[in-house]
Amino acid sequence: NFAVGAGTCISSVLNHNGAEGCHFHIITFGLNVDNTQRFKLLAKERGCQIDIHTVDAERFEGMMATDRFPKQIYLRYLAPELIDADKSLYLDCDIVACESLKTLWNTDISGVALAAVADQRGGDLPGDREDVEAHIGPYDHTYFNSGVLLLNHKVWREMDLTPKLIQAVKEHPSFALADQDALNFLLRDKIVLLRHEFNYQTDWYYLNPTTDGITLLHFNAATPWRYGAPHQEVGLFDHVRCQSPWRDYCYAAHARVGRGGVKFLLPLWAIDRVLNRNITFRLASWIMVRYNWWRHGKRGAKERSKWLRM
């Protein structure tokens, strides 16, 4: 389900960094033959190295999982034990690189387990701290997002974090954002906070809709391979996807139209599904973009200014 996102993310990184020095690791419960071959083709076309690590799902037996947050969210915990390196950069599959990662990669993380960006709804706006504390208890630090993590493998291993994180999730059913809540619960004072442009999340984009100066654009509230994804930059994801081995990917063939207000997209989705093409996908995306621009554009200038100062 995440292969097209991962392939597009890798392609975007290569567009802005080149293949030299880039070594990608896919951590998965299993890839079908088709997607495995596409990753091999991507590595061949772009001259980079892509390793696939297949993990037994029983490793996370008994841990919270939902349709929105399946067990794959915990795979990021395994990077320091699977990757033989001093550090790694973990990226969610719903991310597109817009600039070079050099500055991010060279961030000093000596003595801490990781570097991350504040969560767009975590602890800095009225009411958000209460929400965070309802998940993980008293919290006097900036709550961070787990979609982009610069990991210090040495410190991670010294702290024996992987089993501790797994145990924390099992012991705290209140962790609504399970993998992310556990990381914040254990590492609240053992991280380096990064600037927002290294993980520019959906709500920040709606308040300041630009990719200028943004290193990593995170579609965390608008999965870009979902039909009619409600994000103004879904065209950017689609453009990069078309440069990858997933260029023949049909959105309608792999995803259903969501519930609620987007049911009106069903006729467009049905046309693309029958034709196995993305003919009306761009129209559906245009409709959703305009709807979300209108909805989010109603936020006040005072709130907008507050976000931009953060």
C-alpha atoms as a PDB file:
ATOM      1  CA  ASN A   1       0.000   0.000   0.000  1.00  0.00           C
ATOM      2  CA  PHE A   2       2.936   2.366   0.578  1.00  0.00           C
ATOM      3  CA  ALA A   3       5.199   1.341  -2.322  1.00  0.00           C
ATOM      4  CA  VAL A   4       4.132   4.106  -4.725  1.00  0.00           C
ATOM      5  CA  GLY A   5       4.713   6.688  -1.988  1.00  0.00           C
ATOM      6  CA  ALA A   6       8.124   5.274  -1.099  1.00  0.00           C
ATOM      7  CA  GLY A   7       9.172   5.148  -4.752  1.00  0.00           C
ATOM      8  CA  THR A   8       8.040   8.719  -5.327  1.00  0.00           C
ATOM      9  CA  CYS A   9       9.791   9.922  -2.170  1.00  0.00           C
ATOM     10  CA  ILE A  10      13.052   8.262  -3.239  1.00  0.00           C
ATOM     11  CA  SER A  11      12.768   9.777  -6.723  1.00  0.00           C
ATOM     12  CA  SER A  12      12.276  13.251  -5.251  1.00  0.00           C
ATOM     13  CA  VAL A  13      15.326  12.859  -3.007  1.00  0.00           C
ATOM     14  CA  LEU A  14      17.428  11.806  -5.999  1.00  0.00           C
ATOM     15  CA  ASN A  15      16.153  14.777  -8.033  1.00  0.00           C
ATOM     16  CA  HIS A  16      17.708  17.194  -5.540  1.00  0.00           C
ATOM     17  CA  ASN A  17      20.708  15.236  -4.240  1.00  0.00           C
ATOM     18  CA  GLY A  18      21.884  12.929  -7.018  1.00  0.00           C
ATOM     19  CA  ALA A  19      22.669   9.263  -6.513  1.00  0.00           C
ATOM     20  CA  GLU A  20      26.200   9.623  -5.150  1.00  0.00           C
ATOM     21  CA  GLY A  21      26.221   8.910  -1.424  1.00  0.00           C
ATOM     22  CA  CYS A  22      22.514   8.013  -1.319  1.00  0.00           C
ATOM     23  CA  HIS A  23      21.773   4.567   0.106  1.00  0.00           C
ATOM     24  CA  PHE A  24      18.085   3.810   0.602  1.00  0.00           C
ATOM     25  CA  HIS A  25      16.591   1.174   2.880  1.00  0.00           C
ATOM     26  CA  ILE A  26      12.991  -0.049   2.540  1.00  0.00           C
ATOM     27  CA  ILE A  27      11.726  -1.650   5.764  1.00  0.00           C
ATOM     28  CA  THR A  28       8.597  -3.696   5.117  1.00  0.00           C
ATOM     29  CA  PHE A  29       6.451  -6.644   6.176  1.00  0.00           C
ATOM     30  CA  GLY A  30       6.642  -7.800   2.569  1.00  0.00           C
ATOM     31  CA  LEU A  31       6.543  -6.507  -0.999  1.00  0.00           C
ATOM     32  CA  ASN A  32       4.855  -8.224  -3.914  1.00  0.00           C
ATOM     33  CA  VAL A  33       6.917  -9.194  -6.944  1.00  0.00           C
ATOM     34  CA  ASP A  34       5.735  -6.218  -8.995  1.00  0.00           C
ATOM     35  CA  ASN A  35       6.812  -3.566  -6.475  1.00  0.00           C
ATOM     36  CA  THR A  36      10.070  -5.391  -5.729  1.00  0.00           C
ATOM     37  CA  GLN A  37      10.945  -5.241  -9.423  1.00  0.00           C
ATOM     38  CA  ARG A  38      10.004  -1.563  -9.572  1.00  0.00           C
ATOM     39  CA  PHE A  39      12.411  -0.706  -6.741  1.00  0.00           C
ATOM     40  CA  LYS A  40      15.151  -2.637  -8.562  1.00  0.00           C
ATOM     41  CA  LEU A  41      14.344  -0.717 -11.730  1.00  0.00           C
ATOM     42  CA  LEU A  42      14.430   2.590  -9.833  1.00  0.00           C
ATOM     43  CA  ALA A  43      17.892   1.742  -8.466  1.00  0.00           C
ATOM     44  CA  LYS A  44      19.101   0.823 -11.965  1.00  0.00           C
ATOM     45  CA  GLU A  45      17.589   3.889 -13.674  1.00  0.00           C
ATOM     46  CA  ARG A  46      18.943   6.352 -11.123  1.00  0.00           C
ATOM     47  CA  GLY A  47      22.227   4.624 -10.251  1.00  0.00           C
ATOM     48  CA  CYS A  48      21.560   4.378  -6.520  1.00  0.00           C
ATOM     49  CA  GLN A  49      21.496   1.552  -3.978  1.00  0.00           C
ATOM     50  CA  ILE A  50      18.172   0.370  -2.545  1.00  0.00           C
ATOM     51  CA  ASP A  51      18.085  -2.423   0.033  1.00  0.00           C
ATOM     52  CA  ILE A  52      14.854  -4.104   1.075  1.00  0.00           C
ATOM     53  CA  HIS A  53      14.561  -5.394   4.655  1.00  0.00           C
ATOM     54  CA  THR A  54      11.628  -7.763   5.235  1.00  0.00           C
ATOM     55  CA  VAL A  55      10.490  -7.966   8.862  1.00  0.00           C
ATOM     56  CA  ASP A  56       8.186 -10.503  10.517  1.00  0.00           C
ATOM     57  CA  ALA A  57       4.949  -8.740  11.528  1.00  0.00           C
ATOM     58  CA  GLU A  58       4.862 -10.876  14.692  1.00  0.00           C
ATOM     59  CA  ARG A  59       7.626  -8.626  15.989  1.00  0.00           C
ATOM     60  CA  PHE A  60       4.850  -6.163  16.830  1.00  0.00           C
ATOM     61  CA  GLU A  61       2.264  -8.633  18.043  1.00  0.00           C
ATOM     62  CA  GLY A  62      -0.159  -7.155  20.587  1.00  0.00           C
ATOM     63  CA  MET A  63       0.602  -3.534  19.645  1.00  0.00           C
ATOM     64  CA  MET A  64      -2.116  -1.031  18.808  1.00  0.00           C
ATOM     65  CA  ALA A  65      -3.070  -0.833  15.135  1.00  0.00           C
ATOM     66  CA  THR A  66      -5.946   0.811  13.239  1.00  0.00           C
ATOM     67  CA  ASP A  67      -6.882   1.404   9.603  1.00  0.00           C
ATOM     68  CA  ARG A  68      -5.277   4.833   9.811  1.00  0.00           C
ATOM     69  CA  PHE A  69      -2.253   3.664  11.803  1.00  0.00           C
ATOM     70  CA  PRO A  70      -1.390   0.083  10.755  1.00  0.00           C
ATOM     71  CA  LYS A  71       1.490  -1.853  12.300  1.00  0.00           C
ATOM     72  CA  GLN A  72       3.835  -0.534   9.619  1.00  0.00           C
ATOM     73  CA  ILE A  73       4.156   2.669  11.672  1.00  0.00           C
ATOM     74  CA  TYR A  74       6.425   0.800  14.097  1.00  0.00           C
ATOM     75  CA  LEU A  75       8.938  -0.234  11.438  1.00  0.00           C
ATOM     76  CA  ARG A  76      10.837   3.038  11.926  1.00  0.00           C
ATOM     77  CA  TYR A  77      11.901   1.725  15.342  1.00  0.00           C
ATOM     78  CA  LEU A  78      14.030  -0.928  13.612  1.00  0.00           C
ATOM     79  CA  ALA A  79      16.226   1.336  11.460  1.00  0.00           C
ATOM     80  CA  PRO A  80      19.150   1.520  13.937  1.00  0.00           C
ATOM     81  CA  GLU A  81      19.347  -2.275  14.199  1.00  0.00           C
ATOM     82  CA  LEU A  82      18.874  -3.050  10.498  1.00  0.00           C
ATOM     83  CA  ILE A  83      21.113  -0.365   8.997  1.00  0.00           C
ATOM     84  CA  ASP A  84      24.854  -0.682   9.555  1.00  0.00           C
ATOM     85  CA  ALA A  85      25.692   3.010   9.829  1.00  0.00           C
ATOM     86  CA  ASP A  86      26.262   5.690  12.460  1.00  0.00           C
ATOM     87  CA  LYS A  87      23.054   7.493  11.543  1.00  0.00           C
ATOM     88  CA  SER A  88      20.137   7.413   9.143  1.00  0.00           C
ATOM     89  CA  LEU A  89      17.367   9.713   7.964  1.00  0.00           C
ATOM     90  CA  TYR A  90      13.928   8.174   8.325  1.00  0.00           C
ATOM     91  CA  LEU A  91      11.193   9.506   6.004  1.00  0.00           C
ATOM     92  CA  ASP A  92       7.495   8.653   5.897  1.00  0.00           C
ATOM     93  CA  CYS A  93       6.254   7.567   2.470  1.00  0.00           C
ATOM     94  CA  ASP A  94       3.974  10.618   2.115  1.00  0.00           C
ATOM     95  CA  ILE A  95       6.904  13.031   1.786  1.00  0.00           C
ATOM     96  CA  VAL A  96       8.380  14.765  -1.260  1.00  0.00           C
ATOM     97  CA  ALA A  97      11.813  16.388  -1.201  1.00  0.00           C
ATOM     98  CA  CYS A  98      11.897  19.916  -2.626  1.00  0.00           C
ATOM     99  CA  GLU A  99      15.560  20.766  -1.984  1.00  0.00           C
ATOM    100  CA  SER A 100      18.876  19.157  -1.091  1.00  0.00           C
ATOM    101  CA  LEU A 101      19.005  17.232   2.194  1.00  0.00           C
ATOM    102  CA  LYS A 102      22.630  18.196   2.854  1.00  0.00           C
ATOM    103  CA  THR A 103      21.909  20.770   5.570  1.00  0.00           C
ATOM    104  CA  LEU A 104      19.494  18.438   7.330  1.00  0.00           C
ATOM    105  CA  TRP A 105      21.890  15.485   7.102  1.00  0.00           C
ATOM    106  CA  ASN A 106      24.752  17.531   8.567  1.00  0.00           C
ATOM    107  CA  THR A 107      22.774  18.553  11.665  1.00  0.00           C
ATOM    108  CA  ASP A 108      24.758  17.887  14.845  1.00  0.00           C
ATOM    109  CA  ILE A 109      22.981  15.111  16.775  1.00  0.00           C
ATOM    110  CA  SER A 110      25.896  14.018  18.950  1.00  0.00           C
ATOM    111  CA  GLY A 111      24.675  13.001  22.401  1.00  0.00           C
ATOM    112  CA  VAL A 112      20.985  12.767  21.457  1.00  0.00           C
ATOM    113  CA  ALA A 113      18.893   9.938  20.026  1.00  0.00           C
ATOM    114  CA  LEU A 114      17.367  11.908  17.172  1.00  0.00           C
ATOM    115  CA  ALA A 115      16.480  15.230  15.595  1.00  0.00           C
ATOM    116  CA  ALA A 116      12.895  16.026  14.613  1.00  0.00           C
ATOM    117  CA  VAL A 117      10.460  18.833  13.810  1.00  0.00           C
ATOM    118  CA  ALA A 118       7.668  20.023  16.096  1.00  0.00           C
ATOM    119  CA  ASP A 119       4.297  18.484  15.316  1.00  0.00           C
ATOM    120  CA  GLN A 120       1.919  20.924  13.620  1.00  0.00           C
ATOM    121  CA  ARG A 121      -0.715  20.404  16.327  1.00  0.00           C
ATOM    122  CA  GLY A 122       1.501  19.517  19.239  1.00  0.00           C
ATOM    123  CA  GLY A 123       1.709  21.769  22.239  1.00  0.00           C
ATOM    124  CA  ASP A 124       2.222  25.224  20.706  1.00  0.00           C
ATOM    125  CA  LEU A 125      -1.376  26.263  20.102  1.00  0.00           C
ATOM    126  CA  PRO A 126      -4.137  26.732  22.696  1.00  0.00           C
ATOM    127  CA  GLY A 127      -5.693  23.408  23.645  1.00  0.00           C
ATOM    128  CA  ASP A 128      -3.033  21.278  21.963  1.00  0.00           C
ATOM    129  CA  ARG A 129      -0.954  20.736  25.106  1.00  0.00           C
ATOM    130  CA  GLU A 130      -4.014  19.389  26.890  1.00  0.00           C
ATOM    131  CA  ASP A 131      -4.543  17.030  23.968  1.00  0.00           C
ATOM    132  CA  VAL A 132      -0.945  15.806  24.132  1.00  0.00           C
ATOM    133  CA  GLU A 133      -1.111  15.317  27.898  1.00  0.00           C
ATOM    134  CA  ALA A 134      -4.286  13.277  27.487  1.00  0.00           C
ATOM    135  CA  HIS A 135      -2.183  10.854  25.439  1.00  0.00           C
ATOM    136  CA  ILE A 136       1.111  10.688  27.305  1.00  0.00           C
ATOM    137  CA  GLY A 137       0.712  12.480  30.652  1.00  0.00           C
ATOM    138  CA  PRO A 138       2.359  15.706  31.919  1.00  0.00           C
ATOM    139  CA  TYR A 139       4.483  17.186  29.149  1.00  0.00           C
ATOM    140  CA  ASP A 140       6.661  20.311  29.351  1.00  0.00           C
ATOM    141  CA  HIS A 141       8.523  19.878  26.050  1.00  0.00           C
ATOM    142  CA  THR A 142       7.799  20.508  22.377  1.00  0.00           C
ATOM    143  CA  TYR A 143       5.903  17.545  20.980  1.00  0.00           C
ATOM    144  CA  PHE A 144       7.567  16.393  17.755  1.00  0.00           C
ATOM    145  CA  ASN A 145       6.371  14.690  14.583  1.00  0.00           C
ATOM    146  CA  SER A 146       7.756  11.242  13.735  1.00  0.00           C
ATOM    147  CA  GLY A 147       7.525  11.570   9.934  1.00  0.00           C
ATOM    148  CA  VAL A 148      11.092  12.867   9.592  1.00  0.00           C
ATOM    149  CA  LEU A 149      13.675  11.540  12.038  1.00  0.00           C
ATOM    150  CA  LEU A 150      17.430  12.015  11.853  1.00  0.00           C
ATOM    151  CA  LEU A 151      18.517   9.022  13.943  1.00  0.00           C
ATOM    152  CA  ASN A 152      21.724   8.675  15.956  1.00  0.00           C
ATOM    153  CA  HIS A 153      22.228   4.899  15.871  1.00  0.00           C
ATOM    154  CA  LYS A 154      24.951   4.861  18.517  1.00  0.00           C
ATOM    155  CA  VAL A 155      22.857   6.648  21.153  1.00  0.00           C
ATOM    156  CA  TRP A 156      19.764   4.677  20.134  1.00  0.00           C
ATOM    157  CA  ARG A 157      21.579   1.388  20.689  1.00  0.00           C
ATOM    158  CA  GLU A 158      23.176   2.554  23.936  1.00  0.00           C
ATOM    159  CA  MET A 159      19.716   3.411  25.268  1.00  0.00           C
ATOM    160  CA  ASP A 160      18.326   0.097  23.950  1.00  0.00           C
ATOM    161  CA  LEU A 161      15.391   2.084  22.629  1.00  0.00           C
ATOM    162  CA  THR A 162      13.680  -0.374  20.291  1.00  0.00           C
ATOM    163  CA  PRO A 163      12.419  -2.807  22.969  1.00  0.00           C
ATOM    164  CA  LYS A 164      11.625   0.097  25.298  1.00  0.00           C
ATOM    165  CA  LEU A 165       9.478   1.783  22.657  1.00  0.00           C
ATOM    166  CA  ILE A 166       7.638  -1.454  21.881  1.00  0.00           C
ATOM    167  CA  GLN A 167       6.997  -2.012  25.576  1.00  0.00           C
ATOM    168  CA  ALA A 168       5.815   1.577  26.059  1.00  0.00           C
ATOM    169  CA  VAL A 169       3.192   1.184  23.314  1.00  0.00           C
ATOM    170  CA  LYS A 170       1.942  -2.065  24.848  1.00  0.00           C
ATOM    171  CA  GLU A 171       1.706  -0.547  28.320  1.00  0.00           C
ATOM    172  CA  HIS A 172      -0.036   2.697  27.306  1.00  0.00           C
ATOM    173  CA  PRO A 173      -3.301   2.183  25.406  1.00  0.00           C
ATOM    174  CA  SER A 174      -3.839   5.957  25.722  1.00  0.00           C
ATOM    175  CA  PHE A 175      -1.181   6.508  23.020  1.00  0.00           C
ATOM    176  CA  ALA A 176      -3.583   7.615  20.279  1.00  0.00           C
ATOM    177  CA  LEU A 177      -0.656   8.296  17.907  1.00  0.00           C
ATOM    178  CA  ALA A 178       1.098   5.145  19.018  1.00  0.00           C
ATOM    179  CA  ASP A 179       4.567   5.257  17.457  1.00  0.00           C
ATOM    180  CA  GLN A 180       4.819   9.043  17.749  1.00  0.00           C
ATOM    181  CA  ASP A 181       3.465   9.215  21.305  1.00  0.00           C
ATOM    182  CA  ALA A 182       5.934   6.549  22.454  1.00  0.00           C
ATOM    183  CA  LEU A 183       8.874   8.420  20.939  1.00  0.00           C
ATOM    184  CA  ASN A 184       7.809  11.653  22.643  1.00  0.00           C
ATOM    185  CA  PHE A 185       7.142   9.818  25.913  1.00  0.00           C
ATOM    186  CA  LEU A 186      10.660   8.359  26.095  1.00  0.00           C
ATOM    187  CA  LEU A 187      12.750  11.014  24.303  1.00  0.00           C
ATOM    188  CA  ARG A 188      11.198  14.338  25.270  1.00  0.00           C
ATOM    189  CA  ASP A 189      14.535  15.791  26.469  1.00  0.00           C
ATOM    190  CA  LYS A 190      16.900  13.720  24.328  1.00  0.00           C
ATOM    191  CA  ILE A 191      16.318  15.285  20.912  1.00  0.00           C
ATOM    192  CA  VAL A 192      17.375  18.216  18.753  1.00  0.00           C
ATOM    193  CA  LEU A 193      14.505  20.294  17.352  1.00  0.00           C
ATOM    194  CA  LEU A 194      14.753  21.052  13.642  1.00  0.00           C
ATOM    195  CA  ARG A 195      13.339  23.980  11.669  1.00  0.00           C
ATOM    196  CA  HIS A 196       9.871  23.501  10.207  1.00  0.00           C
ATOM    197  CA  GLU A 197      11.082  23.443   6.598  1.00  0.00           C
ATOM    198  CA  PHE A 198      12.654  20.026   7.235  1.00  0.00           C
ATOM    199  CA  ASN A 199       9.183  18.531   7.791  1.00  0.00           C
ATOM    200  CA  TYR A 200       6.656  21.014   6.443  1.00  0.00           C
ATOM    201  CA  GLN A 201       3.325  19.525   7.417  1.00  0.00           C
ATOM    202  CA  THR A 202      -0.116  19.959   5.893  1.00  0.00           C
ATOM    203  CA  ASP A 203      -1.634  22.586   8.220  1.00  0.00           C
ATOM    204  CA  TRP A 204       1.474  24.763   8.028  1.00  0.00           C
ATOM    205  CA  TYR A 205       1.221  24.590   4.255  1.00  0.00           C
ATOM    206  CA  TYR A 206      -2.429  25.704   4.330  1.00  0.00           C
ATOM    207  CA  LEU A 207      -1.427  28.724   6.416  1.00  0.00           C
ATOM    208  CA  ASN A 208       1.578  29.532   4.215  1.00  0.00           C
ATOM    209  CA  PRO A 209       1.022  27.736   0.876  1.00  0.00           C
ATOM    210  CA  THR A 210       4.484  27.680  -0.689  1.00  0.00           C
ATOM    211  CA  THR A 211       7.328  25.288  -1.346  1.00  0.00           C
ATOM    212  CA  ASP A 212       9.924  28.075  -1.439  1.00  0.00           C
ATOM    213  CA  GLY A 213      12.627  27.284   1.099  1.00  0.00           C
ATOM    214  CA  ILE A 214      10.932  23.987   2.007  1.00  0.00           C
ATOM    215  CA  THR A 215      13.240  20.960   2.127  1.00  0.00           C
ATOM    216  CA  LEU A 216      10.688  18.209   2.828  1.00  0.00           C
ATOM    217  CA  LEU A 217       6.967  18.616   2.140  1.00  0.00           C
ATOM    218  CA  HIS A 218       4.912  16.228   4.288  1.00  0.00           C
ATOM    219  CA  PHE A 219       1.406  15.304   3.082  1.00  0.00           C
ATOM    220  CA  ASN A 220       0.573  14.027   6.568  1.00  0.00           C
ATOM    221  CA  ALA A 221      -3.127  14.931   6.449  1.00  0.00           C
ATOM    222  CA  ALA A 222      -3.742  14.347   2.732  1.00  0.00           C
ATOM    223  CA  THR A 223      -2.257  11.058   1.492  1.00  0.00           C
ATOM    224  CA  PRO A 224      -1.143  12.076  -2.026  1.00  0.00           C
ATOM    225  CA  TRP A 225      -1.825   8.708  -3.702  1.00  0.00           C
ATOM    226  CA  ARG A 226      -5.432   8.767  -2.519  1.00  0.00           C
ATOM    227  CA  TYR A 227      -7.962   9.742  -5.157  1.00  0.00           C
ATOM    228  CA  GLY A 228      -8.706  13.481  -5.013  1.00  0.00           C
ATOM    229  CA  ALA A 229      -6.092  14.112  -2.311  1.00  0.00           C
ATOM    230  CA  PRO A 230      -7.024  17.495  -0.736  1.00  0.00           C
ATOM    231  CA  HIS A 231      -3.647  19.227  -0.969  1.00  0.00           C
ATOM    232  CA  GLN A 232      -2.641  22.037  -3.303  1.00  0.00           C
ATOM    233  CA  GLU A 233       0.695  20.357  -4.075  1.00  0.00           C
ATOM    234  CA  VAL A 234      -0.735  16.949  -5.007  1.00  0.00           C
ATOM    235  CA  GLY A 235       0.333  17.843  -8.552  1.00  0.00           C
ATOM    236  CA  LEU A 236       3.950  17.931  -7.342  1.00  0.00           C
ATOM    237  CA  PHE A 237       3.652  14.388  -6.017  1.00  0.00           C
ATOM    238  CA  ASP A 238       2.024  13.280  -9.276  1.00  0.00           C
ATOM    239  CA  HIS A 239       4.780  14.940 -11.343  1.00  0.00           C
ATOM    240  CA  VAL A 240       7.565  13.150  -9.435  1.00  0.00           C
ATOM    241  CA  ARG A 241       5.654   9.851  -9.517  1.00  0.00           C
ATOM    242  CA  CYS A 242       5.553  10.080 -13.315  1.00  0.00           C
ATOM    243  CA  GLN A 243       9.373  10.208 -13.299  1.00  0.00           C
ATOM    244  CA  SER A 244       9.554   6.921 -11.379  1.00  0.00           C
ATOM    245  CA  PRO A 245       8.846   3.264 -12.260  1.00  0.00           C
ATOM    246  CA  TRP A 246       5.333   3.880 -10.878  1.00  0.00           C
ATOM    247  CA  ARG A 247       4.573   6.175 -13.829  1.00  0.00           C
ATOM    248  CA  ASP A 248       1.770   3.826 -14.921  1.00  0.00           C
ATOM    249  CA  TYR A 249       0.140   3.828 -11.476  1.00  0.00           C
ATOM    250  CA  CYS A 250      -3.628   4.374 -11.628  1.00  0.00           C
ATOM    251  CA  TYR A 251      -4.979   6.077  -8.498  1.00  0.00           C
ATOM    252  CA  ALA A 252      -8.501   4.779  -8.989  1.00  0.00           C
ATOM    253  CA  ALA A 253      -7.342   1.174  -9.337  1.00  0.00           C
ATOM    254  CA  HIS A 254      -5.594   1.236  -5.963  1.00  0.00           C
ATOM    255  CA  ALA A 255      -7.678   3.507  -3.747  1.00  0.00           C
ATOM    256  CA  ARG A 256     -11.327   4.106  -3.028  1.00  0.00           C
ATOM    257  CA  VAL A 257     -12.879   7.526  -2.647  1.00  0.00           C
ATOM    258  CA  GLY A 258     -12.969   8.578   0.990  1.00  0.00           C
ATOM    259  CA  ARG A 259     -16.030   9.011   3.130  1.00  0.00           C
ATOM    260  CA  GLY A 260     -17.966  12.204   3.794  1.00  0.00           C
ATOM    261  CA  GLY A 261     -17.806  15.239   1.539  1.00  0.00           C
ATOM    262  CA  VAL A 262     -15.713  13.654  -1.222  1.00  0.00           C
ATOM    263  CA  LYS A 263     -18.405  11.166  -2.263  1.00  0.00           C
ATOM    264  CA  PHE A 264     -19.176  13.488  -5.165  1.00  0.00           C
ATOM    265  CA  LEU A 265     -15.899  12.251  -6.689  1.00  0.00           C
ATOM    266  CA  LEU A 266     -17.340   8.764  -7.182  1.00  0.00           C
ATOM    267  CA  PRO A 267     -18.334   9.305 -10.840  1.00  0.00           C
ATOM    268  CA  LEU A 268     -14.846  10.597 -11.699  1.00  0.00           C
ATOM    269  CA  TRP A 269     -13.231   7.763  -9.761  1.00  0.00           C
ATOM    270  CA  ALA A 270     -15.412   5.208 -11.619  1.00  0.00           C
ATOM    271  CA  ILE A 271     -14.337   6.590 -15.012  1.00  0.00           C
ATOM    272  CA  ASP A 272     -10.636   6.343 -14.174  1.00  0.00           C
ATOM    273  CA  ARG A 273     -11.107   2.900 -12.697  1.00  0.00           C
ATOM    274  CA  VAL A 274     -12.812   1.560 -15.839  1.00  0.00           C
ATOM    275  CA  LEU A 275     -10.273   3.147 -18.200  1.00  0.00           C
ATOM    276  CA  ASN A 276      -7.307   2.338 -15.918  1.00  0.00           C
ATOM    277  CA  ARG A 277      -6.071   5.890 -16.474  1.00  0.00           C
ATOM    278  CA  ASN A 278      -5.697   9.087 -14.457  1.00  0.00           C
ATOM    279  CA  ILE A 279      -7.729  11.129 -16.929  1.00  0.00           C
ATOM    280  CA  THR A 280     -10.102  12.628 -14.350  1.00  0.00           C
ATOM    281  CA  PHE A 281      -7.725  12.360 -11.381  1.00  0.00           C
ATOM    282  CA  ARG A 282      -6.332  15.821 -12.013  1.00  0.00           C
ATOM    283  CA  LEU A 283      -9.835  17.242 -12.248  1.00  0.00           C
ATOM    284  CA  ALA A 284     -10.778  15.538  -8.973  1.00  0.00           C
ATOM    285  CA  SER A 285      -7.636  16.930  -7.336  1.00  0.00           C
ATOM    286  CA  TRP A 286      -8.377  20.410  -8.691  1.00  0.00           C
ATOM    287  CA  ILE A 287     -11.862  20.259  -7.133  1.00  0.00           C
ATOM    288  CA  MET A 288     -10.462  19.177  -3.765  1.00  0.00           C
ATOM    289  CA  VAL A 289      -7.717  21.804  -3.867  1.00  0.00           C
ATOM    290  CA  ARG A 290     -10.227  24.594  -4.460  1.00  0.00           C
ATOM    291  CA  TYR A 291     -12.502  23.272  -1.716  1.00  0.00           C
ATOM    292  CA  ASN A 292      -9.668  23.156   0.809  1.00  0.00           C
ATOM    293  CA  TRP A 293      -8.344  26.567  -0.212  1.00  0.00           C
ATOM    294  CA  TRP A 294     -11.793  28.005   0.543  1.00  0.00           C
ATOM    295  CA  ARG A 295     -12.154  26.092   3.821  1.00  0.00           C
ATOM    296  CA  HIS A 296      -8.683  26.812   5.211  1.00  0.00           C
ATOM    297  CA  GLY A 297      -8.551  30.338   3.797  1.00  0.00           C
ATOM    298  CA  LYS A 298     -11.189  31.367   6.324  1.00  0.00           C
ATOM    299  CA  ARG A 299      -8.674  31.200   9.193  1.00  0.00           C
ATOM    300  CA  GLY A 300      -7.856  34.588  10.666  1.00  0.00           C
ATOM    301  CA  ALA A 301      -4.766  36.652   9.917  1.00  0.00           C
ATOM    302  CA  LYS A 302      -3.842  36.638  13.613  1.00  0.00           C
ATOM    303  CA  GLU A 303      -3.557  32.838  13.695  1.00  0.00           C
ATOM    304  CA  ARG A 304      -1.631  32.848  10.419  1.00  0.00           C
ATOM    305  CA  SER A 305       0.887  35.338  11.787  1.00  0.00           C
ATOM    306  CA  LYS A 306       1.357  33.273  14.931  1.00  0.00           C
ATOM    307  CA  TRP A 307       2.187  30.139  12.951  1.00  0.00           C
ATOM    308  CA  LEU A 308       4.629  31.966  10.668  1.00  0.00           C
ATOM    309  CA  ARG A 309       6.536  33.369  13.657  1.00  0.00           C
ATOM    310  CA  MET A 310       7.059  29.900  15.163  1.00  0.00           C
END
